Amino acid sequence: MISCRIIKSREFPEDPSLTIAEIAQNTGFSSQGYFTNCFKRIFGCTPNKYRKQ
C-alpha cells in the first residue's frame, strides 16, 4: 500500500506549486517526515532531490 502511494507521489514533485508537505498529505501520509523516509527508501533520494533532477 505504501509503495503504491509513493509511486503515485512521483508525479507531484514536478509541480513546483506544491510543497513536499502538501504532496505527502495528498498521497495519504500523516507526516512529511514519514513520507520523505518512505520515498527515499524506495527511490534512493529525497523528494526534494528527485524534484531537482
C-alpha atoms as a PDB file:
ATOM      1  CA  MET A   1       0.000   0.000   0.000  1.00  0.00           C
ATOM      2  CA  ILE A   2       2.758   2.449   0.913  1.00  0.00           C
ATOM      3  CA  SER A   3       4.624   1.608  -2.290  1.00  0.00           C
ATOM      4  CA  CYS A   4       1.551   2.462  -4.358  1.00  0.00           C
ATOM      5  CA  ARG A   5       1.208   5.843  -2.658  1.00  0.00           C
ATOM      6  CA  ILE A   6       4.912   6.585  -3.081  1.00  0.00           C
ATOM      7  CA  ILE A   7       4.815   5.640  -6.764  1.00  0.00           C
ATOM      8  CA  LYS A   8       1.782   7.893  -7.237  1.00  0.00           C
ATOM      9  CA  SER A   9       3.616  10.713  -5.477  1.00  0.00           C
ATOM     10  CA  ARG A  10       6.340  10.777  -8.166  1.00  0.00           C
ATOM     11  CA  GLU A  11       4.086  12.837 -10.426  1.00  0.00           C
ATOM     12  CA  PHE A  12       3.651  15.565  -7.807  1.00  0.00           C
ATOM     13  CA  PRO A  13       7.270  16.750  -7.321  1.00  0.00           C
ATOM     14  CA  GLU A  14       7.217  18.060 -10.881  1.00  0.00           C
ATOM     15  CA  ASP A  15       4.553  20.585  -9.824  1.00  0.00           C
ATOM     16  CA  PRO A  16       6.548  23.373  -8.129  1.00  0.00           C
ATOM     17  CA  SER A  17       3.401  24.958  -6.691  1.00  0.00           C
ATOM     18  CA  LEU A  18       3.068  22.062  -4.211  1.00  0.00           C
ATOM     19  CA  THR A  19       5.246  21.745  -1.129  1.00  0.00           C
ATOM     20  CA  ILE A  20       6.570  18.356  -0.056  1.00  0.00           C
ATOM     21  CA  ALA A  21       4.186  18.521   2.919  1.00  0.00           C
ATOM     22  CA  GLU A  22       1.238  19.030   0.540  1.00  0.00           C
ATOM     23  CA  ILE A  23       2.380  16.112  -1.621  1.00  0.00           C
ATOM     24  CA  ALA A  24       2.616  13.932   1.493  1.00  0.00           C
ATOM     25  CA  GLN A  25      -0.879  14.933   2.554  1.00  0.00           C
ATOM     26  CA  ASN A  26      -2.302  14.462  -0.968  1.00  0.00           C
ATOM     27  CA  THR A  27      -0.963  10.911  -1.090  1.00  0.00           C
ATOM     28  CA  GLY A  28      -2.300   9.917   2.325  1.00  0.00           C
ATOM     29  CA  PHE A  29       0.744  10.261   4.583  1.00  0.00           C
ATOM     30  CA  SER A  30       0.239  11.660   8.057  1.00  0.00           C
ATOM     31  CA  SER A  31       3.581  13.466   8.157  1.00  0.00           C
ATOM     32  CA  GLN A  32       6.122  14.904   5.771  1.00  0.00           C
ATOM     33  CA  GLY A  33       8.950  13.136   7.591  1.00  0.00           C
ATOM     34  CA  TYR A  34       7.424   9.685   7.191  1.00  0.00           C
ATOM     35  CA  PHE A  35       6.662  10.400   3.537  1.00  0.00           C
ATOM     36  CA  THR A  36      10.254  11.530   2.928  1.00  0.00           C
ATOM     37  CA  ASN A  37      11.671   8.419   4.619  1.00  0.00           C
ATOM     38  CA  CYS A  38       9.462   6.092   2.556  1.00  0.00           C
ATOM     39  CA  PHE A  39      10.228   7.970  -0.665  1.00  0.00           C
ATOM     40  CA  LYS A  40      13.976   7.774  -0.018  1.00  0.00           C
ATOM     41  CA  ARG A  41      13.799   4.060   0.827  1.00  0.00           C
ATOM     42  CA  ILE A  42      12.052   3.287  -2.476  1.00  0.00           C
ATOM     43  CA  PHE A  43      13.744   5.745  -4.876  1.00  0.00           C
ATOM     44  CA  GLY A  44      17.108   6.303  -3.192  1.00  0.00           C
ATOM     45  CA  CYS A  45      16.748  10.059  -2.864  1.00  0.00           C
ATOM     46  CA  THR A  46      14.565  12.566  -1.071  1.00  0.00           C
ATOM     47  CA  PRO A  47      11.561  14.159  -2.799  1.00  0.00           C
ATOM     48  CA  ASN A  48      13.465  17.466  -2.988  1.00  0.00           C
ATOM     49  CA  LYS A  49      16.428  15.850  -4.750  1.00  0.00           C
ATOM     50  CA  TYR A  50      14.049  13.989  -7.065  1.00  0.00           C
ATOM     51  CA  ARG A  51      12.333  17.286  -7.876  1.00  0.00           C
ATOM     52  CA  LYS A  52      15.664  18.924  -8.797  1.00  0.00           C
ATOM     53  CA  GLN A  53      16.765  16.114 -11.145  1.00  0.00           C
END
